[in-house]
N, C-alpha and C. Protein backbone atom coordinates (compact mmCIF):
# COMPACT_ATOMS: atom_id res chain seq x y z
N MET A 1 0.78 -22.48 -7.03
CA MET A 1 1.41 -21.06 -7.07
C MET A 1 0.88 -20.16 -8.37
N ILE A 2 0.48 -20.94 -9.38
CA ILE A 2 -0.31 -20.31 -10.46
C ILE A 2 -1.60 -19.71 -10.17
N ARG A 3 -2.32 -20.54 -9.32
CA ARG A 3 -3.59 -19.92 -8.89
C ARG A 3 -3.48 -18.72 -8.01
N GLN A 4 -2.41 -18.69 -7.16
CA GLN A 4 -2.27 -17.45 -6.21
C GLN A 4 -1.71 -16.28 -7.26
N ALA A 5 -0.89 -16.60 -8.16
CA ALA A 5 -0.53 -15.38 -8.97
C ALA A 5 -1.74 -15.05 -9.78
N PHE A 6 -2.53 -15.86 -10.25
CA PHE A 6 -3.82 -15.47 -10.90
C PHE A 6 -4.76 -14.63 -10.04
N LEU A 7 -4.85 -14.96 -8.87
CA LEU A 7 -5.65 -14.27 -7.92
C LEU A 7 -5.04 -12.81 -7.75
N ILE A 8 -3.82 -12.79 -7.53
CA ILE A 8 -3.14 -11.47 -7.36
C ILE A 8 -3.29 -10.62 -8.47
N LEU A 9 -3.04 -10.97 -9.73
CA LEU A 9 -3.26 -10.35 -11.04
C LEU A 9 -4.60 -10.09 -11.16
N LEU A 10 -5.67 -10.71 -10.79
CA LEU A 10 -7.04 -10.60 -11.02
C LEU A 10 -7.50 -9.39 -10.07
N MET A 11 -6.74 -9.10 -8.78
CA MET A 11 -7.03 -8.14 -7.94
C MET A 11 -6.51 -6.69 -8.65
N LEU A 12 -5.33 -7.05 -9.38
CA LEU A 12 -4.66 -5.86 -10.02
C LEU A 12 -5.66 -5.29 -11.21
N PHE A 13 -6.07 -6.36 -11.79
CA PHE A 13 -7.01 -6.05 -12.83
C PHE A 13 -8.39 -5.47 -12.38
N LEU A 14 -9.00 -5.93 -11.38
CA LEU A 14 -10.08 -5.38 -10.74
C LEU A 14 -9.76 -3.81 -10.21
N GLY A 15 -8.63 -3.63 -9.69
CA GLY A 15 -8.17 -2.34 -9.32
C GLY A 15 -8.07 -1.35 -10.50
N GLU A 16 -7.57 -1.88 -11.62
CA GLU A 16 -7.51 -1.07 -12.80
C GLU A 16 -9.04 -0.64 -13.26
N ILE A 17 -9.85 -1.67 -13.21
CA ILE A 17 -11.27 -1.30 -13.64
C ILE A 17 -11.94 -0.30 -12.81
N VAL A 18 -11.58 -0.49 -11.42
CA VAL A 18 -12.27 0.48 -10.42
C VAL A 18 -11.67 1.77 -10.64
N SER A 19 -10.41 1.97 -10.84
CA SER A 19 -9.75 3.29 -11.01
C SER A 19 -10.20 3.95 -12.40
N HIS A 20 -10.35 3.11 -13.36
CA HIS A 20 -10.75 3.67 -14.71
C HIS A 20 -12.16 4.07 -14.67
N PHE A 21 -13.05 3.27 -14.24
CA PHE A 21 -14.53 3.55 -14.41
C PHE A 21 -15.15 4.47 -13.20
N THR A 22 -14.36 4.60 -12.07
CA THR A 22 -15.01 5.45 -11.00
C THR A 22 -14.51 6.99 -11.31
N GLY A 23 -13.49 7.18 -12.01
CA GLY A 23 -13.11 8.56 -12.33
C GLY A 23 -12.25 8.99 -10.89
N ILE A 24 -12.09 8.04 -9.97
CA ILE A 24 -11.14 8.57 -8.85
C ILE A 24 -9.79 8.18 -9.28
N TYR A 25 -8.78 9.23 -8.98
CA TYR A 25 -7.44 8.97 -9.33
C TYR A 25 -6.88 8.06 -8.23
N LEU A 26 -6.75 6.84 -8.48
CA LEU A 26 -6.20 5.89 -7.62
C LEU A 26 -5.40 4.89 -8.36
N VAL A 27 -4.19 4.52 -7.96
CA VAL A 27 -3.27 3.66 -8.72
C VAL A 27 -3.94 2.22 -8.72
N SER A 28 -3.81 1.59 -9.73
CA SER A 28 -4.64 0.35 -9.81
C SER A 28 -4.08 -0.69 -8.86
N SER A 29 -2.76 -0.60 -8.57
CA SER A 29 -2.21 -1.66 -7.69
C SER A 29 -2.64 -1.38 -6.18
N VAL A 30 -2.84 -0.16 -5.86
CA VAL A 30 -3.36 0.19 -4.60
C VAL A 30 -4.92 -0.08 -4.38
N ALA A 31 -5.74 0.16 -5.48
CA ALA A 31 -7.11 -0.28 -5.46
C ALA A 31 -7.12 -1.78 -5.47
N GLY A 32 -6.28 -2.45 -6.23
CA GLY A 32 -6.35 -4.08 -6.09
C GLY A 32 -6.05 -4.40 -4.71
N LEU A 33 -5.07 -3.81 -4.01
CA LEU A 33 -4.83 -4.29 -2.69
C LEU A 33 -5.86 -4.04 -1.73
N LEU A 34 -6.63 -2.87 -1.98
CA LEU A 34 -7.87 -2.55 -1.12
C LEU A 34 -8.90 -3.52 -1.40
N ILE A 35 -9.14 -3.97 -2.66
CA ILE A 35 -10.02 -5.08 -2.96
C ILE A 35 -9.64 -6.34 -2.29
N LEU A 36 -8.46 -6.59 -2.40
CA LEU A 36 -7.84 -7.92 -1.81
C LEU A 36 -8.05 -7.75 -0.26
N PHE A 37 -7.72 -6.73 0.40
CA PHE A 37 -7.90 -6.54 1.82
C PHE A 37 -9.39 -6.70 2.17
N LEU A 38 -10.31 -6.15 1.48
CA LEU A 38 -11.72 -6.29 1.79
C LEU A 38 -12.24 -7.79 1.62
N LEU A 39 -11.78 -8.39 0.53
CA LEU A 39 -12.06 -9.81 0.40
C LEU A 39 -11.52 -10.72 1.50
N LEU A 40 -10.27 -10.46 1.95
CA LEU A 40 -9.74 -11.09 3.09
C LEU A 40 -10.55 -10.87 4.44
N CYS A 41 -10.89 -9.56 4.56
CA CYS A 41 -11.75 -9.28 5.84
C CYS A 41 -13.01 -9.95 5.63
N LEU A 42 -13.75 -9.94 4.59
CA LEU A 42 -15.00 -10.76 4.51
C LEU A 42 -14.85 -12.18 4.42
N LYS A 43 -13.67 -12.76 4.50
CA LYS A 43 -13.32 -14.02 4.40
C LYS A 43 -13.84 -14.84 3.02
N ALA A 44 -13.85 -13.88 1.94
CA ALA A 44 -14.13 -14.52 0.78
C ALA A 44 -12.88 -15.19 0.04
N VAL A 45 -11.65 -14.70 0.65
CA VAL A 45 -10.30 -15.25 0.20
C VAL A 45 -9.65 -15.66 1.58
N ARG A 46 -9.21 -16.86 1.51
CA ARG A 46 -8.47 -17.40 2.70
C ARG A 46 -6.96 -16.90 2.48
N PRO A 47 -6.42 -16.38 3.68
CA PRO A 47 -4.90 -15.98 3.68
C PRO A 47 -4.16 -17.19 3.24
N GLU A 48 -4.39 -18.47 3.41
CA GLU A 48 -3.57 -19.46 3.03
C GLU A 48 -3.51 -19.68 1.42
N SER A 49 -4.65 -19.19 0.91
CA SER A 49 -4.56 -19.30 -0.60
C SER A 49 -3.64 -18.34 -1.32
N ILE A 50 -3.06 -17.53 -0.67
CA ILE A 50 -2.17 -16.53 -1.37
C ILE A 50 -0.87 -16.54 -0.54
N ALA A 51 -0.74 -17.16 0.39
CA ALA A 51 0.47 -17.04 1.44
C ALA A 51 1.77 -17.39 0.80
N ALA A 52 1.91 -18.45 -0.01
CA ALA A 52 3.19 -18.74 -0.67
C ALA A 52 3.68 -17.77 -1.52
N LEU A 53 2.77 -17.32 -2.43
CA LEU A 53 3.27 -16.22 -3.36
C LEU A 53 3.62 -14.84 -2.65
N CYS A 54 2.76 -14.51 -1.60
CA CYS A 54 3.08 -13.35 -0.79
C CYS A 54 4.47 -13.42 -0.04
N GLU A 55 4.72 -14.58 0.40
CA GLU A 55 5.99 -14.87 0.95
C GLU A 55 7.08 -14.52 0.11
N LEU A 56 7.06 -15.24 -1.14
CA LEU A 56 8.04 -15.11 -2.17
C LEU A 56 8.22 -13.84 -2.50
N ILE A 57 7.03 -12.94 -2.75
CA ILE A 57 7.31 -11.70 -3.17
C ILE A 57 7.94 -10.84 -2.11
N THR A 58 7.52 -11.03 -0.81
CA THR A 58 8.18 -10.31 0.33
C THR A 58 9.74 -10.51 0.48
N ARG A 59 10.01 -11.83 0.29
CA ARG A 59 11.47 -12.25 0.32
C ARG A 59 12.38 -11.49 -0.65
N ASN A 60 11.73 -11.25 -1.74
CA ASN A 60 12.46 -10.67 -2.91
C ASN A 60 12.01 -9.11 -3.22
N MET A 61 11.65 -8.47 -2.10
CA MET A 61 11.09 -7.20 -2.16
C MET A 61 12.08 -6.25 -2.79
N MET A 62 13.37 -6.40 -2.47
CA MET A 62 14.36 -5.45 -2.88
C MET A 62 14.55 -5.43 -4.34
N LEU A 63 14.06 -6.43 -5.00
CA LEU A 63 14.20 -6.46 -6.52
C LEU A 63 13.16 -5.36 -7.19
N PHE A 64 12.25 -5.08 -6.42
CA PHE A 64 11.26 -4.15 -6.97
C PHE A 64 11.70 -2.77 -6.79
N PHE A 65 12.72 -2.43 -6.12
CA PHE A 65 13.23 -1.07 -5.93
C PHE A 65 14.36 -0.86 -6.85
N VAL A 66 15.00 -1.69 -7.52
CA VAL A 66 16.15 -1.49 -8.48
C VAL A 66 15.76 -0.44 -9.60
N VAL A 67 14.65 -0.75 -10.23
CA VAL A 67 14.19 0.10 -11.44
C VAL A 67 13.94 1.42 -10.92
N PRO A 68 13.13 1.76 -9.95
CA PRO A 68 12.94 3.13 -9.54
C PRO A 68 14.35 3.77 -8.98
N GLY A 69 15.15 3.02 -8.38
CA GLY A 69 16.44 3.70 -8.20
C GLY A 69 17.18 4.01 -9.31
N VAL A 70 17.20 3.22 -10.30
CA VAL A 70 17.90 3.61 -11.51
C VAL A 70 17.34 4.88 -12.09
N GLY A 71 16.04 4.85 -12.04
CA GLY A 71 15.39 6.04 -12.63
C GLY A 71 15.59 7.35 -11.85
N LEU A 72 15.77 7.21 -10.56
CA LEU A 72 16.22 8.42 -9.87
C LEU A 72 17.72 8.88 -10.23
N ILE A 73 18.53 7.98 -10.29
CA ILE A 73 19.78 8.25 -10.79
C ILE A 73 19.86 8.95 -12.12
N ASP A 74 19.03 8.37 -13.15
CA ASP A 74 19.03 9.02 -14.50
C ASP A 74 18.40 10.48 -14.47
N HIS A 75 17.71 10.86 -13.56
CA HIS A 75 17.25 12.11 -13.36
C HIS A 75 17.81 12.92 -12.14
N LEU A 76 18.93 12.75 -11.76
CA LEU A 76 19.56 13.56 -10.72
C LEU A 76 19.69 14.87 -11.01
N GLY A 77 20.02 15.32 -12.26
CA GLY A 77 19.94 16.91 -12.58
C GLY A 77 18.59 17.49 -12.37
N THR A 78 17.56 16.93 -12.86
CA THR A 78 16.18 17.36 -12.54
C THR A 78 15.74 17.37 -11.14
N LEU A 79 16.12 16.41 -10.34
CA LEU A 79 15.93 16.43 -8.89
C LEU A 79 16.68 17.55 -8.17
N GLY A 80 17.93 17.78 -8.64
CA GLY A 80 18.71 18.87 -8.12
C GLY A 80 18.06 20.10 -8.26
N HIS A 81 17.64 20.58 -9.47
CA HIS A 81 17.08 21.83 -9.72
C HIS A 81 15.71 22.01 -8.94
N ASN A 82 15.06 20.86 -8.69
CA ASN A 82 13.75 21.21 -8.06
C ASN A 82 13.72 20.49 -6.52
N LEU A 83 14.92 20.58 -6.02
CA LEU A 83 14.99 19.84 -4.71
C LEU A 83 13.98 20.38 -3.65
N LEU A 84 13.92 21.56 -3.43
CA LEU A 84 12.92 22.22 -2.55
C LEU A 84 11.54 21.88 -2.91
N ARG A 85 11.20 22.04 -4.10
CA ARG A 85 9.82 21.68 -4.57
C ARG A 85 9.48 20.26 -4.40
N ILE A 86 10.33 19.38 -4.11
CA ILE A 86 10.25 17.93 -3.90
C ILE A 86 10.23 17.60 -2.39
N LEU A 87 11.22 18.12 -1.75
CA LEU A 87 11.50 17.99 -0.43
C LEU A 87 10.26 18.36 0.53
N ILE A 88 9.85 19.60 0.24
CA ILE A 88 8.89 20.19 1.10
C ILE A 88 7.55 19.43 1.24
N PRO A 89 6.96 19.05 -0.03
CA PRO A 89 5.68 18.11 0.05
C PRO A 89 5.97 16.88 0.68
N VAL A 90 7.26 16.14 0.37
CA VAL A 90 7.69 15.04 0.95
C VAL A 90 7.78 15.05 2.47
N ILE A 91 8.29 16.03 3.06
CA ILE A 91 8.48 16.13 4.57
C ILE A 91 7.18 16.47 5.16
N LEU A 92 6.36 17.33 4.52
CA LEU A 92 4.91 17.68 5.01
C LEU A 92 4.12 16.43 5.10
N SER A 93 4.05 15.80 3.96
CA SER A 93 3.19 14.66 3.87
C SER A 93 3.59 13.44 4.83
N SER A 94 4.98 13.33 5.02
CA SER A 94 5.50 12.37 6.00
C SER A 94 5.04 12.77 7.49
N LEU A 95 5.09 13.96 7.77
CA LEU A 95 4.70 14.50 9.12
C LEU A 95 3.17 14.36 9.20
N PHE A 96 2.54 14.52 8.11
CA PHE A 96 1.06 14.49 8.22
C PHE A 96 0.64 13.02 8.44
N GLY A 97 1.36 12.08 7.83
CA GLY A 97 1.00 10.72 7.92
C GLY A 97 1.43 10.00 9.44
N LEU A 98 2.55 10.70 9.86
CA LEU A 98 2.94 10.42 11.19
C LEU A 98 1.87 10.74 12.32
N TYR A 99 1.45 12.05 12.03
CA TYR A 99 0.52 12.57 12.97
C TYR A 99 -0.87 11.63 12.89
N VAL A 100 -1.34 11.42 11.64
CA VAL A 100 -2.68 10.64 11.56
C VAL A 100 -2.40 9.21 12.10
N THR A 101 -1.22 8.56 11.96
CA THR A 101 -0.87 7.27 12.51
C THR A 101 -0.91 7.34 14.02
N ALA A 102 -0.33 8.35 14.55
CA ALA A 102 -0.29 8.59 16.04
C ALA A 102 -1.67 8.65 16.71
N LYS A 103 -2.59 9.61 15.97
CA LYS A 103 -3.87 9.73 16.36
C LYS A 103 -4.74 8.51 16.24
N VAL A 104 -4.71 7.73 15.26
CA VAL A 104 -5.36 6.42 15.10
C VAL A 104 -4.85 5.44 16.11
N THR A 105 -3.66 5.36 16.31
CA THR A 105 -3.11 4.47 17.44
C THR A 105 -3.61 4.95 18.67
N GLU A 106 -3.67 6.14 19.05
CA GLU A 106 -4.12 6.65 20.37
C GLU A 106 -5.68 6.23 20.47
N LEU A 107 -6.39 6.47 19.34
CA LEU A 107 -7.79 6.21 19.52
C LEU A 107 -8.02 4.68 19.66
N LEU A 108 -7.37 3.83 19.02
CA LEU A 108 -7.40 2.42 19.16
C LEU A 108 -7.01 1.92 20.63
N LEU A 109 -5.98 2.60 21.03
CA LEU A 109 -5.49 2.22 22.47
C LEU A 109 -6.66 2.59 23.48
N ARG A 110 -7.10 3.72 23.30
CA ARG A 110 -8.23 4.24 24.30
C ARG A 110 -9.51 3.12 24.19
N ARG A 111 -9.84 2.83 22.98
CA ARG A 111 -10.88 1.83 22.88
C ARG A 111 -10.68 0.50 23.52
N LYS A 112 -9.36 0.04 23.30
CA LYS A 112 -8.88 -1.28 23.90
C LYS A 112 -9.04 -1.24 25.40
N HIS A 113 -8.39 -0.03 25.95
CA HIS A 113 -8.52 0.07 27.33
C HIS A 113 -9.79 0.31 27.93
N GLY A 114 -10.67 0.88 27.21
CA GLY A 114 -12.00 1.21 27.58
C GLY A 114 -12.80 -0.10 27.67
N ARG A 115 -12.61 -0.98 26.79
CA ARG A 115 -13.15 -2.31 26.88
C ARG A 115 -12.71 -3.16 28.03
N LYS A 116 -11.40 -3.04 28.33
CA LYS A 116 -10.95 -3.83 29.47
C LYS A 116 -11.43 -3.42 30.89
N GLU A 117 -11.79 -1.90 30.96
CA GLU A 117 -12.25 -1.43 32.18
C GLU A 117 -13.61 -1.82 32.47
N ALA A 118 -14.47 -1.89 31.13
CA ALA A 118 -15.76 -2.21 31.26
C ALA A 118 -16.08 -3.66 31.66
N GLN A 119 -15.20 -4.63 31.50
CA GLN A 119 -15.28 -6.04 31.78
C GLN A 119 -14.87 -6.00 33.21
């Protein structure tokens, strides 16, 4: 389990390095996840080598949302004064994400059905 934690933290550290030195504004945890995803796709990291820790983190996911939830409650006044300024981008970005997801799914389904017809 210590090796798994080391590997996950190494990906976080590499993500920090990438986001710092490239000048691209990307949260280090997201950059680290992208690096881990790339390594998994290239089979440089085996899924079994991090599976136990990932299952543990996933099972206890709700604990990661407690601190942000408390932070939101602490700033309810600020949120109330800026509700429209917050809700409009959240709604628009959610709709945009939904649209992009639908188009990508549609494209992948077309490719899948195109391959079946060709065979």
